PDB file of N, CA and C in Angstrom:
ATOM      1  N   UNK A   1      91.691-286.429 193.706  1.00  0.00           N
ATOM      2  CA  UNK A   1      91.993-284.873 193.480  1.00  0.00           C
ATOM      3  C   UNK A   1      90.675-284.654 194.472  1.00  0.00           C
ATOM      4  N   UNK A   2      90.272-283.570 194.082  1.00  0.00           N
ATOM      5  CA  UNK A   2      89.122-283.659 195.126  1.00  0.00           C
ATOM      6  C   UNK A   2      88.078-283.482 194.801  1.00  0.00           C
ATOM      7  N   UNK A   3      87.224-282.890 196.264  1.00  0.00           N
ATOM      8  CA  UNK A   3      85.804-282.915 195.827  1.00  0.00           C
ATOM      9  C   UNK A   3      85.562-281.687 194.436  1.00  0.00           C
ATOM     10  N   UNK A   4      84.026-281.275 195.053  1.00  0.00           N
ATOM     11  CA  UNK A   4      83.353-280.927 193.814  1.00  0.00           C
ATOM     12  C   UNK A   4      84.271-279.291 194.211  1.00  0.00           C
ATOM     13  N   UNK A   5      84.069-278.038 193.340  1.00  0.00           N
ATOM     14  CA  UNK A   5      84.731-276.654 193.339  1.00  0.00           C
ATOM     15  C   UNK A   5      83.738-276.066 193.578  1.00  0.00           C
ATOM     16  N   UNK A   6      83.965-275.236 194.783  1.00  0.00           N
ATOM     17  CA  UNK A   6      83.053-274.038 195.266  1.00  0.00           C
ATOM     18  C   UNK A   6      82.962-272.988 194.816  1.00  0.00           C
ATOM     19  N   UNK A   7      81.670-272.687 194.024  1.00  0.00           N
ATOM     20  CA  UNK A   7      82.103-271.790 192.721  1.00  0.00           C
ATOM     21  C   UNK A   7      81.545-270.433 193.839  1.00  0.00           C
ATOM     22  N   UNK A   8      82.016-269.261 193.658  1.00  0.00           N
ATOM     23  CA  UNK A   8      80.996-267.955 194.394  1.00  0.00           C
ATOM     24  C   UNK A   8      79.895-267.422 193.382  1.00  0.00           C
ATOM     25  N   UNK A   9      79.174-267.203 193.979  1.00  0.00           N
ATOM     26  CA  UNK A   9      78.344-266.448 192.714  1.00  0.00           C
ATOM     27  C   UNK A   9      78.751-265.227 192.572  1.00  0.00           C
ATOM     28  N   UNK A  10      78.834-265.240 190.809  1.00  0.00           N
ATOM     29  CA  UNK A  10      78.887-264.079 190.838  1.00  0.00           C
ATOM     30  C   UNK A  10      78.087-262.106 191.143  1.00  0.00           C
ATOM     31  N   UNK A  11      78.494-261.345 191.476  1.00  0.00           N
ATOM     32  CA  UNK A  11      78.121-260.606 191.896  1.00  0.00           C
ATOM     33  C   UNK A  11      77.367-259.459 190.801  1.00  0.00           C
ATOM     34  N   UNK A  12      76.099-259.064 190.908  1.00  0.00           N
ATOM     35  CA  UNK A  12      75.503-257.848 189.935  1.00  0.00           C
ATOM     36  C   UNK A  12      76.180-257.326 189.350  1.00  0.00           C
ATOM     37  N   UNK A  13      76.413-256.854 188.457  1.00  0.00           N
ATOM     38  CA  UNK A  13      76.603-255.936 187.863  1.00  0.00           C
ATOM     39  C   UNK A  13      76.075-254.661 187.939  1.00  0.00           C
ATOM     40  N   UNK A  14      76.365-253.065 188.596  1.00  0.00           N
ATOM     41  CA  UNK A  14      75.408-252.523 189.282  1.00  0.00           C
ATOM     42  C   UNK A  14      75.374-251.614 188.030  1.00  0.00           C
ATOM     43  N   UNK A  15      73.630-251.097 188.146  1.00  0.00           N
ATOM     44  CA  UNK A  15      72.782-250.849 187.228  1.00  0.00           C
ATOM     45  C   UNK A  15      73.524-249.209 186.270  1.00  0.00           C
ATOM     46  N   UNK A  16      73.876-248.965 185.488  1.00  0.00           N
ATOM     47  CA  UNK A  16      74.076-247.779 184.964  1.00  0.00           C
ATOM     48  C   UNK A  16      73.004-246.896 184.946  1.00  0.00           C
ATOM     49  N   UNK A  17      73.372-246.036 185.583  1.00  0.00           N
ATOM     50  CA  UNK A  17      72.892-244.211 185.472  1.00  0.00           C
ATOM     51  C   UNK A  17      72.158-244.197 184.250  1.00  0.00           C
ATOM     52  N   UNK A  18      70.415-243.741 184.293  1.00  0.00           N
ATOM     53  CA  UNK A  18      70.459-243.029 183.519  1.00  0.00           C
ATOM     54  C   UNK A  18      70.419-241.391 183.565  1.00  0.00           C
ATOM     55  N   UNK A  19      70.638-241.286 182.487  1.00  0.00           N
ATOM     56  CA  UNK A  19      71.234-239.640 182.392  1.00  0.00           C
ATOM     57  C   UNK A  19      70.128-238.498 182.744  1.00  0.00           C
ATOM     58  N   UNK A  20      69.903-238.133 183.333  1.00  0.00           N
ATOM     59  CA  UNK A  20      68.278-236.741 183.545  1.00  0.00           C
ATOM     60  C   UNK A  20      68.542-235.571 182.369  1.00  0.00           C
ATOM     61  N   UNK A  21      67.546-235.534 182.280  1.00  0.00           N
ATOM     62  CA  UNK A  21      67.617-235.074 180.637  1.00  0.00           C
ATOM     63  C   UNK A  21      66.130-233.266 180.947  1.00  0.00           C
ATOM     64  N   UNK A  22      66.531-233.161 180.717  1.00  0.00           N
ATOM     65  CA  UNK A  22      65.706-231.660 180.774  1.00  0.00           C
ATOM     66  C   UNK A  22      64.379-231.897 179.921  1.00  0.00           C
ATOM     67  N   UNK A  23      63.770-231.324 180.769  1.00  0.00           N
ATOM     68  CA  UNK A  23      62.290-231.737 180.469  1.00  0.00           C
ATOM     69  C   UNK A  23      62.119-231.106 178.977  1.00  0.00           C
ATOM     70  N   UNK A  24      61.716-232.010 177.881  1.00  0.00           N
ATOM     71  CA  UNK A  24      61.471-231.496 176.922  1.00  0.00           C
ATOM     72  C   UNK A  24      60.361-230.047 176.626  1.00  0.00           C
ATOM     73  N   UNK A  25      60.099-229.722 175.723  1.00  0.00           N
ATOM     74  CA  UNK A  25      58.866-228.748 174.969  1.00  0.00           C
ATOM     75  C   UNK A  25      57.585-229.282 175.645  1.00  0.00           C
ATOM     76  N   UNK A  26      57.201-230.275 175.212  1.00  0.00           N
ATOM     77  CA  UNK A  26      56.186-230.506 175.670  1.00  0.00           C
ATOM     78  C   UNK A  26      55.672-230.698 176.663  1.00  0.00           C
ATOM     79  N   UNK A  27      56.756-231.641 177.602  1.00  0.00           N
ATOM     80  CA  UNK A  27      56.730-231.943 178.815  1.00  0.00           C
ATOM     81  C   UNK A  27      56.380-230.204 179.860  1.00  0.00           C
ATOM     82  N   UNK A  28      57.021-229.647 179.570  1.00  0.00           N
ATOM     83  CA  UNK A  28      57.369-227.929 179.846  1.00  0.00           C
ATOM     84  C   UNK A  28      55.449-227.197 180.406  1.00  0.00           C
ATOM     85  N   UNK A  29      55.221-227.448 178.729  1.00  0.00           N
ATOM     86  CA  UNK A  29      53.909-226.932 178.434  1.00  0.00           C
ATOM     87  C   UNK A  29      52.817-227.587 179.124  1.00  0.00           C
ATOM     88  N   UNK A  30      52.800-228.765 179.511  1.00  0.00           N
ATOM     89  CA  UNK A  30      51.971-229.496 180.430  1.00  0.00           C
ATOM     90  C   UNK A  30      52.118-228.918 181.615  1.00  0.00           C
ATOM     91  N   UNK A  31      53.476-228.735 182.508  1.00  0.00           N
ATOM     92  CA  UNK A  31      53.783-228.574 183.670  1.00  0.00           C
ATOM     93  C   UNK A  31      53.510-226.883 184.103  1.00  0.00           C
ATOM     94  N   UNK A  32      52.932-225.705 182.841  1.00  0.00           N
ATOM     95  CA  UNK A  32      52.497-224.565 182.741  1.00  0.00           C
ATOM     96  C   UNK A  32      51.082-224.924 182.865  1.00  0.00           C
ATOM     97  N   UNK A  33      50.609-225.289 182.033  1.00  0.00           N
ATOM     98  CA  UNK A  33      48.575-225.389 182.239  1.00  0.00           C
ATOM     99  C   UNK A  33      48.420-225.744 183.547  1.00  0.00           C
ATOM    100  N   UNK A  34      49.553-227.106 183.828  1.00  0.00           N
ATOM    101  CA  UNK A  34      48.941-227.643 185.205  1.00  0.00           C
ATOM    102  C   UNK A  34      49.216-226.326 186.154  1.00  0.00           C
ATOM    103  N   UNK A  35      50.315-225.551 186.550  1.00  0.00           N
ATOM    104  CA  UNK A  35      50.475-224.763 186.836  1.00  0.00           C
ATOM    105  C   UNK A  35      49.364-223.480 187.054  1.00  0.00           C
ATOM    106  N   UNK A  36      49.033-223.165 185.414  1.00  0.00           N
ATOM    107  CA  UNK A  36      48.176-221.865 185.466  1.00  0.00           C
ATOM    108  C   UNK A  36      46.380-222.220 185.820  1.00  0.00           C
ATOM    109  N   UNK A  37      46.533-223.982 185.660  1.00  0.00           N
ATOM    110  CA  UNK A  37      44.885-224.378 186.342  1.00  0.00           C
ATOM    111  C   UNK A  37      44.618-223.757 187.708  1.00  0.00           C
ATOM    112  N   UNK A  38      45.693-224.351 188.308  1.00  0.00           N
ATOM    113  CA  UNK A  38      45.977-224.727 190.103  1.00  0.00           C
ATOM    114  C   UNK A  38      45.581-223.159 190.273  1.00  0.00           C
ATOM    115  N   UNK A  39      46.202-222.344 189.508  1.00  0.00           N
ATOM    116  CA  UNK A  39      46.683-220.460 189.903  1.00  0.00           C
ATOM    117  C   UNK A  39      44.937-220.074 189.790  1.00  0.00           C
ATOM    118  N   UNK A  40      44.391-220.723 188.507  1.00  0.00           N
ATOM    119  CA  UNK A  40      43.000-220.159 188.083  1.00  0.00           C
ATOM    120  C   UNK A  40      42.167-220.378 189.082  1.00  0.00           C
ATOM    121  N   UNK A  41      42.322-221.778 189.603  1.00  0.00           N
ATOM    122  CA  UNK A  41      40.919-222.442 190.955  1.00  0.00           C
ATOM    123  C   UNK A  41      41.252-221.670 191.800  1.00  0.00           C
ATOM    124  N   UNK A  42      42.507-221.353 192.880  1.00  0.00           N
ATOM    125  CA  UNK A  42      43.134-220.387 193.294  1.00  0.00           C
ATOM    126  C   UNK A  42      42.869-219.103 193.512  1.00  0.00           C
ATOM    127  N   UNK A  43      42.183-218.846 192.748  1.00  0.00           N
ATOM    128  CA  UNK A  43      42.158-217.313 192.694  1.00  0.00           C
ATOM    129  C   UNK A  43      40.963-216.507 191.691  1.00  0.00           C
ATOM    130  N   UNK A  44      40.183-217.742 191.269  1.00  0.00           N
ATOM    131  CA  UNK A  44      38.611-217.655 190.440  1.00  0.00           C
ATOM    132  C   UNK A  44      38.068-217.746 191.338  1.00  0.00           C
ATOM    133  N   UNK A  45      37.702-218.381 192.723  1.00  0.00           N
ATOM    134  CA  UNK A  45      36.547-218.947 193.279  1.00  0.00           C
ATOM    135  C   UNK A  45      35.968-217.300 194.041  1.00  0.00           C
ATOM    136  N   UNK A  46      35.280-216.752 194.613  1.00  0.00           N
ATOM    137  CA  UNK A  46      34.158-215.527 194.958  1.00  0.00           C
ATOM    138  C   UNK A  46      33.931-215.862 196.331  1.00  0.00           C
ATOM    139  N   UNK A  47      34.608-215.240 197.129  1.00  0.00           N
ATOM    140  CA  UNK A  47      35.209-214.887 198.638  1.00  0.00           C
ATOM    141  C   UNK A  47      33.735-215.187 199.170  1.00  0.00           C
ATOM    142  N   UNK A  48      32.860-214.381 198.058  1.00  0.00           N
ATOM    143  CA  UNK A  48      31.723-213.341 199.566  1.00  0.00           C
ATOM    144  C   UNK A  48      30.018-214.816 199.042  1.00  0.00           C
ATOM    145  N   UNK A  49      30.633-215.678 198.150  1.00  0.00           N
ATOM    146  CA  UNK A  49      29.742-216.572 198.150  1.00  0.00           C
ATOM    147  C   UNK A  49      29.115-217.603 199.425  1.00  0.00           C
ATOM    148  N   UNK A  50      27.963-217.623 199.558  1.00  0.00           N
ATOM    149  CA  UNK A  50      27.925-218.264 200.145  1.00  0.00           C
ATOM    150  C   UNK A  50      26.367-219.417 200.609  1.00  0.00           C
ATOM    151  N   UNK A  51      26.286-220.377 201.498  1.00  0.00           N
ATOM    152  CA  UNK A  51      25.849-221.694 201.272  1.00  0.00           C
ATOM    153  C   UNK A  51      25.111-221.682 202.647  1.00  0.00           C
ATOM    154  N   UNK A  52      23.768-222.501 202.450  1.00  0.00           N
ATOM    155  CA  UNK A  52      22.941-222.707 203.494  1.00  0.00           C
ATOM    156  C   UNK A  52      23.383-224.298 204.039  1.00  0.00           C
ATOM    157  N   UNK A  53      23.092-224.712 205.507  1.00  0.00           N
ATOM    158  CA  UNK A  53      23.565-225.530 205.703  1.00  0.00           C
ATOM    159  C   UNK A  53      22.523-226.138 206.458  1.00  0.00           C
ATOM    160  N   UNK A  54      22.060-227.649 207.075  1.00  0.00           N
ATOM    161  CA  UNK A  54      21.222-227.838 208.215  1.00  0.00           C
ATOM    162  C   UNK A  54      22.137-229.386 209.102  1.00  0.00           C
ATOM    163  N   UNK A  55      21.309-228.927 209.984  1.00  0.00           N
ATOM    164  CA  UNK A  55      21.932-230.107 211.173  1.00  0.00           C
ATOM    165  C   UNK A  55      20.649-229.847 212.395  1.00  0.00           C
ATOM    166  N   UNK A  56      20.150-230.715 212.889  1.00  0.00           N
ATOM    167  CA  UNK A  56      19.206-231.555 213.666  1.00  0.00           C
ATOM    168  C   UNK A  56      18.650-229.967 213.461  1.00  0.00           C
ATOM    169  N   UNK A  57      17.794-229.853 212.645  1.00  0.00           N
ATOM    170  CA  UNK A  57      16.265-228.895 212.385  1.00  0.00           C
ATOM    171  C   UNK A  57      16.661-227.568 212.392  1.00  0.00           C
ATOM    172  N   UNK A  58      17.830-227.220 212.363  1.00  0.00           N
ATOM    173  CA  UNK A  58      18.727-225.481 212.276  1.00  0.00           C
ATOM    174  C   UNK A  58      19.097-225.541 210.920  1.00  0.00           C
ATOM    175  N   UNK A  59      19.128-223.929 210.644  1.00  0.00           N
ATOM    176  CA  UNK A  59      19.622-224.151 209.574  1.00  0.00           C
ATOM    177  C   UNK A  59      20.988-223.062 209.309  1.00  0.00           C
ATOM    178  N   UNK A  60      21.993-222.608 208.611  1.00  0.00           N
ATOM    179  CA  UNK A  60      23.282-221.768 209.071  1.00  0.00           C
ATOM    180  C   UNK A  60      23.968-221.295 207.676  1.00  0.00           C
ATOM    181  N   UNK A  61      23.650-220.324 207.736  1.00  0.00           N
ATOM    182  CA  UNK A  61      24.237-219.705 206.653  1.00  0.00           C
ATOM    183  C   UNK A  61      25.712-219.201 206.584  1.00  0.00           C
ATOM    184  N   UNK A  62      26.341-219.907 205.614  1.00  0.00           N
ATOM    185  CA  UNK A  62      28.020-220.353 205.710  1.00  0.00           C
ATOM    186  C   UNK A  62      28.518-219.692 204.653  1.00  0.00           C
ATOM    187  N   UNK A  63      29.819-219.082 204.403  1.00  0.00           N
ATOM    188  CA  UNK A  63      31.195-219.072 203.169  1.00  0.00           C
ATOM    189  C   UNK A  63      30.934-220.554 202.454  1.00  0.00           C
ATOM    190  N   UNK A  64      30.822-220.410 201.811  1.00  0.00           N
ATOM    191  CA  UNK A  64      31.098-221.404 200.871  1.00  0.00           C
ATOM    192  C   UNK A  64      32.776-222.340 200.356  1.00  0.00           C
ATOM    193  N   UNK A  65      33.834-221.929 201.030  1.00  0.00           N
ATOM    194  CA  UNK A  65      35.195-221.779 201.115  1.00  0.00           C
ATOM    195  C   UNK A  65      35.083-221.950 202.234  1.00  0.00           C
ATOM    196  N   UNK A  66      35.676-222.553 202.683  1.00  0.00           N
ATOM    197  CA  UNK A  66      36.622-223.050 204.094  1.00  0.00           C
ATOM    198  C   UNK A  66      37.806-221.807 204.394  1.00  0.00           C
ATOM    199  N   UNK A  67      37.787-221.359 205.342  1.00  0.00           N
ATOM    200  CA  UNK A  67      38.594-220.261 205.656  1.00  0.00           C
ATOM    201  C   UNK A  67      39.991-220.575 205.805  1.00  0.00           C
ATOM    202  N   UNK A  68      40.807-222.176 206.145  1.00  0.00           N
ATOM    203  CA  UNK A  68      41.603-222.795 206.426  1.00  0.00           C
ATOM    204  C   UNK A  68      43.108-223.007 204.587  1.00  0.00           C
ATOM    205  N   UNK A  69      41.925-223.426 203.750  1.00  0.00           N
ATOM    206  CA  UNK A  69      42.255-223.678 202.965  1.00  0.00           C
ATOM    207  C   UNK A  69      41.500-223.377 201.072  1.00  0.00           C
ATOM    208  N   UNK A  70      40.239-222.384 201.770  1.00  0.00           N
ATOM    209  CA  UNK A  70      39.493-222.531 200.189  1.00  0.00           C
ATOM    210  C   UNK A  70      38.711-223.994 200.049  1.00  0.00           C
ATOM    211  N   UNK A  71      38.710-225.246 200.552  1.00  0.00           N
ATOM    212  CA  UNK A  71      38.332-226.089 200.403  1.00  0.00           C
ATOM    213  C   UNK A  71      36.249-225.283 200.127  1.00  0.00           C
ATOM    214  N   UNK A  72      36.066-226.158 199.163  1.00  0.00           N
ATOM    215  CA  UNK A  72      34.381-225.941 198.505  1.00  0.00           C
ATOM    216  C   UNK A  72      33.350-226.606 199.450  1.00  0.00           C
ATOM    217  N   UNK A  73      32.998-225.953 200.680  1.00  0.00           N
ATOM    218  CA  UNK A  73      32.341-226.801 201.348  1.00  0.00           C
ATOM    219  C   UNK A  73      30.940-226.995 200.718  1.00  0.00           C
ATOM    220  N   UNK A  74      30.365-226.759 199.996  1.00  0.00           N
ATOM    221  CA  UNK A  74      29.084-227.351 199.189  1.00  0.00           C
ATOM    222  C   UNK A  74      29.390-228.542 198.744  1.00  0.00           C
ATOM    223  N   UNK A  75      30.799-229.203 198.544  1.00  0.00           N
ATOM    224  CA  UNK A  75      30.753-230.332 197.800  1.00  0.00           C
ATOM    225  C   UNK A  75      31.961-231.027 198.908  1.00  0.00           C
ATOM    226  N   UNK A  76      32.753-230.915 199.560  1.00  0.00           N
ATOM    227  CA  UNK A  76      33.922-231.162 200.142  1.00  0.00           C
ATOM    228  C   UNK A  76      33.438-230.874 202.004  1.00  0.00           C
ATOM    229  N   UNK A  77      32.513-231.469 201.660  1.00  0.00           N
ATOM    230  CA  UNK A  77      32.092-230.649 204.071  1.00  0.00           C
ATOM    231  C   UNK A  77      31.098-232.168 204.470  1.00  0.00           C
ATOM    232  N   UNK A  78      31.314-232.949 205.857  1.00  0.00           N
ATOM    233  CA  UNK A  78      30.338-233.180 206.473  1.00  0.00           C
ATOM    234  C   UNK A  78      29.710-232.793 207.662  1.00  0.00           C
ATOM    235  N   UNK A  79      28.128-232.500 207.775  1.00  0.00           N
ATOM    236  CA  UNK A  79      28.062-231.757 208.481  1.00  0.00           C
ATOM    237  C   UNK A  79      27.256-232.799 209.679  1.00  0.00           C
ATOM    238  N   UNK A  80      27.571-232.182 210.670  1.00  0.00           N
ATOM    239  CA  UNK A  80      27.213-233.212 211.724  1.00  0.00           C
ATOM    240  C   UNK A  80      26.767-232.813 213.413  1.00  0.00           C
ATOM    241  N   UNK A  81      26.380-232.740 214.371  1.00  0.00           N
ATOM    242  CA  UNK A  81      26.440-232.616 215.529  1.00  0.00           C
ATOM    243  C   UNK A  81      26.679-231.325 215.747  1.00  0.00           C
ATOM    244  N   UNK A  82      26.479-230.364 214.991  1.00  0.00           N
ATOM    245  CA  UNK A  82      26.760-229.080 215.213  1.00  0.00           C
ATOM    246  C   UNK A  82      28.245-228.488 214.667  1.00  0.00           C
ATOM    247  N   UNK A  83      28.016-229.319 213.796  1.00  0.00           N
ATOM    248  CA  UNK A  83      29.758-228.461 213.071  1.00  0.00           C
ATOM    249  C   UNK A  83      30.142-229.256 211.758  1.00  0.00           C
ATOM    250  N   UNK A  84      30.707-228.241 211.136  1.00  0.00           N
ATOM    251  CA  UNK A  84      31.169-229.095 209.943  1.00  0.00           C
ATOM    252  C   UNK A  84      32.664-229.121 209.287  1.00  0.00           C
ATOM    253  N   UNK A  85      32.523-230.379 209.156  1.00  0.00           N
ATOM    254  CA  UNK A  85      33.989-230.683 208.860  1.00  0.00           C
ATOM    255  C   UNK A  85      34.896-230.625 207.537  1.00  0.00           C
ATOM    256  N   UNK A  86      35.721-229.995 207.520  1.00  0.00           N
ATOM    257  CA  UNK A  86      35.793-229.684 205.915  1.00  0.00           C
ATOM    258  C   UNK A  86      36.875-231.127 205.565  1.00  0.00           C
ATOM    259  N   UNK A  87      36.801-231.269 204.179  1.00  0.00           N
ATOM    260  CA  UNK A  87      37.436-233.340 204.205  1.00  0.00           C
ATOM    261  C   UNK A  87      38.602-233.326 203.182  1.00  0.00           C
ATOM    262  N   UNK A  88      39.002-231.517 203.559  1.00  0.00           N
ATOM    263  CA  UNK A  88      40.283-231.253 202.653  1.00  0.00           C
ATOM    264  C   UNK A  88      41.849-231.865 203.598  1.00  0.00           C
ATOM    265  N   UNK A  89      41.067-230.927 204.837  1.00  0.00           N
ATOM    266  CA  UNK A  89      42.181-231.228 205.979  1.00  0.00           C
ATOM    267  C   UNK A  89      41.260-231.180 207.239  1.00  0.00           C
ATOM    268  N   UNK A  90      39.766-232.543 207.363  1.00  0.00           N
ATOM    269  CA  UNK A  90      39.616-232.148 208.189  1.00  0.00           C
ATOM    270  C   UNK A  90      39.680-231.203 208.950  1.00  0.00           C
ATOM    271  N   UNK A  91      39.536-230.297 208.984  1.00  0.00           N
ATOM    272  CA  UNK A  91      38.982-228.470 210.296  1.00  0.00           C
ATOM    273  C   UNK A  91      37.522-229.024 210.457  1.00  0.00           C
ATOM    274  N   UNK A  92      37.685-229.140 211.694  1.00  0.00           N
ATOM    275  CA  UNK A  92      35.749-228.999 212.548  1.00  0.00           C
ATOM    276  C   UNK A  92      35.649-227.099 212.516  1.00  0.00           C
ATOM    277  N   UNK A  93      34.422-227.372 212.312  1.00  0.00           N
ATOM    278  CA  UNK A  93      34.169-225.417 212.428  1.00  0.00           C
ATOM    279  C   UNK A  93      32.746-225.801 212.978  1.00  0.00           C
ATOM    280  N   UNK A  94      32.354-224.965 214.746  1.00  0.00           N
ATOM    281  CA  UNK A  94      31.499-224.539 215.391  1.00  0.00           C
ATOM    282  C   UNK A  94      30.032-223.971 214.154  1.00  0.00           C
ATOM    283  N   UNK A  95      29.274-224.781 213.935  1.00  0.00           N
ATOM    284  CA  UNK A  95      28.042-224.464 213.569  1.00  0.00           C
ATOM    285  C   UNK A  95      27.100-223.057 214.300  1.00  0.00           C
ATOM    286  N   UNK A  96      27.247-222.733 215.576  1.00  0.00           N
ATOM    287  CA  UNK A  96      26.778-222.146 215.839  1.00  0.00           C
ATOM    288  C   UNK A  96      27.439-220.437 216.177  1.00  0.00           C
ATOM    289  N   UNK A  97      28.846-221.214 216.405  1.00  0.00           N
ATOM    290  CA  UNK A  97      29.892-219.517 216.811  1.00  0.00           C
ATOM    291  C   UNK A  97      30.744-219.352 215.402  1.00  0.00           C
ATOM    292  N   UNK A  98      30.952-220.460 214.846  1.00  0.00           N
ATOM    293  CA  UNK A  98      31.786-220.768 213.748  1.00  0.00           C
ATOM    294  C   UNK A  98      33.364-220.948 214.076  1.00  0.00           C
ATOM    295  N   UNK A  99      33.570-221.022 215.227  1.00  0.00           N
ATOM    296  CA  UNK A  99      34.713-221.525 215.685  1.00  0.00           C
ATOM    297  C   UNK A  99      35.512-222.552 215.465  1.00  0.00           C
ATOM    298  N   UNK A 100      36.660-222.423 215.194  1.00  0.00           N
ATOM    299  CA  UNK A 100      37.212-223.557 214.382  1.00  0.00           C
ATOM    300  C   UNK A 100      37.958-224.008 215.828  1.00  0.00           C
ATOM    301  N   UNK A 101      37.372-225.866 216.349  1.00  0.00           N
ATOM    302  CA  UNK A 101      37.487-226.611 217.228  1.00  0.00           C
ATOM    303  C   UNK A 101      39.152-227.849 217.333  1.00  0.00           C
ATOM    304  N   UNK A 102      39.305-228.199 216.491  1.00  0.00           N
ATOM    305  CA  UNK A 102      40.190-228.352 216.451  1.00  0.00           C
ATOM    306  C   UNK A 102      41.783-228.626 215.814  1.00  0.00           C
ATOM    307  N   UNK A 103      42.065-227.084 214.973  1.00  0.00           N
ATOM    308  CA  UNK A 103      43.486-226.257 214.871  1.00  0.00           C
ATOM    309  C   UNK A 103      43.533-224.865 214.800  1.00  0.00           C
ATOM    310  N   UNK A 104      44.209-224.009 214.189  1.00  0.00           N
ATOM    311  CA  UNK A 104      44.524-222.757 214.746  1.00  0.00           C
ATOM    312  C   UNK A 104      43.675-222.500 213.135  1.00  0.00           C
ATOM    313  N   UNK A 105      43.082-222.315 212.806  1.00  0.00           N
ATOM    314  CA  UNK A 105      42.265-221.220 211.659  1.00  0.00           C
ATOM    315  C   UNK A 105      41.023-220.025 211.863  1.00  0.00           C
ATOM    316  N   UNK A 106      41.285-218.921 210.698  1.00  0.00           N
ATOM    317  CA  UNK A 106      40.718-218.357 210.917  1.00  0.00           C
ATOM    318  C   UNK A 106      38.635-218.505 211.361  1.00  0.00           C
ATOM    319  N   UNK A 107      37.827-218.481 212.110  1.00  0.00           N
ATOM    320  CA  UNK A 107      36.650-218.739 212.156  1.00  0.00           C
ATOM    321  C   UNK A 107      35.687-218.747 210.675  1.00  0.00           C
ATOM    322  N   UNK A 108      34.641-219.442 210.978  1.00  0.00           N
ATOM    323  CA  UNK A 108      34.031-219.684 209.904  1.00  0.00           C
ATOM    324  C   UNK A 108      32.874-218.563 210.411  1.00  0.00           C
ATOM    325  N   UNK A 109      31.973-217.703 209.248  1.00  0.00           N
ATOM    326  CA  UNK A 109      31.382-216.502 209.737  1.00  0.00           C
ATOM    327  C   UNK A 109      29.713-217.287 209.321  1.00  0.00           C
ATOM    328  N   UNK A 110      29.614-217.290 210.509  1.00  0.00           N
ATOM    329  CA  UNK A 110      28.513-218.790 210.111  1.00  0.00           C
ATOM    330  C   UNK A 110      27.110-217.598 211.460  1.00  0.00           C
ATOM    331  N   UNK A 111      26.234-217.883 209.954  1.00  0.00           N
ATOM    332  CA  UNK A 111      24.700-217.222 210.627  1.00  0.00           C
ATOM    333  C   UNK A 111      23.833-218.434 211.029  1.00  0.00           C
ATOM    334  N   UNK A 112      22.892-218.097 212.473  1.00  0.00           N
ATOM    335  CA  UNK A 112      21.793-219.363 212.190  1.00  0.00           C
ATOM    336  C   UNK A 112      20.597-218.681 211.449  1.00  0.00           C
ATOM    337  N   UNK A 113      19.658-219.523 210.904  1.00  0.00           N
ATOM    338  CA  UNK A 113      18.937-218.838 209.848  1.00  0.00           C
ATOM    339  C   UNK A 113      17.212-219.180 210.386  1.00  0.00           C
TER     340      UNK A 113
END
């Protein structure tokens, strides 16, 4: 008779596709609450708020929020070498002139104190 039979491995069966169900009321409520929180954050800040930052013995009065996307510079920025770097998108602004140094953005209204 012959040698050992040659076995061919069985092909795996494709996974059944799950039907996508529309989100339930609880998921819709969570999504709505999240969107409301984002909107409140983006529209609830006072654009006239200002902070004072210091670098190399100089002090500057600047807006609290980045002119690019509104990041809170009082907690989300690094000040060094005469510049403030917004950590949200790494935009850099010259503290003396307010000019954005590495992208196109509105200038920071900066005043030396």
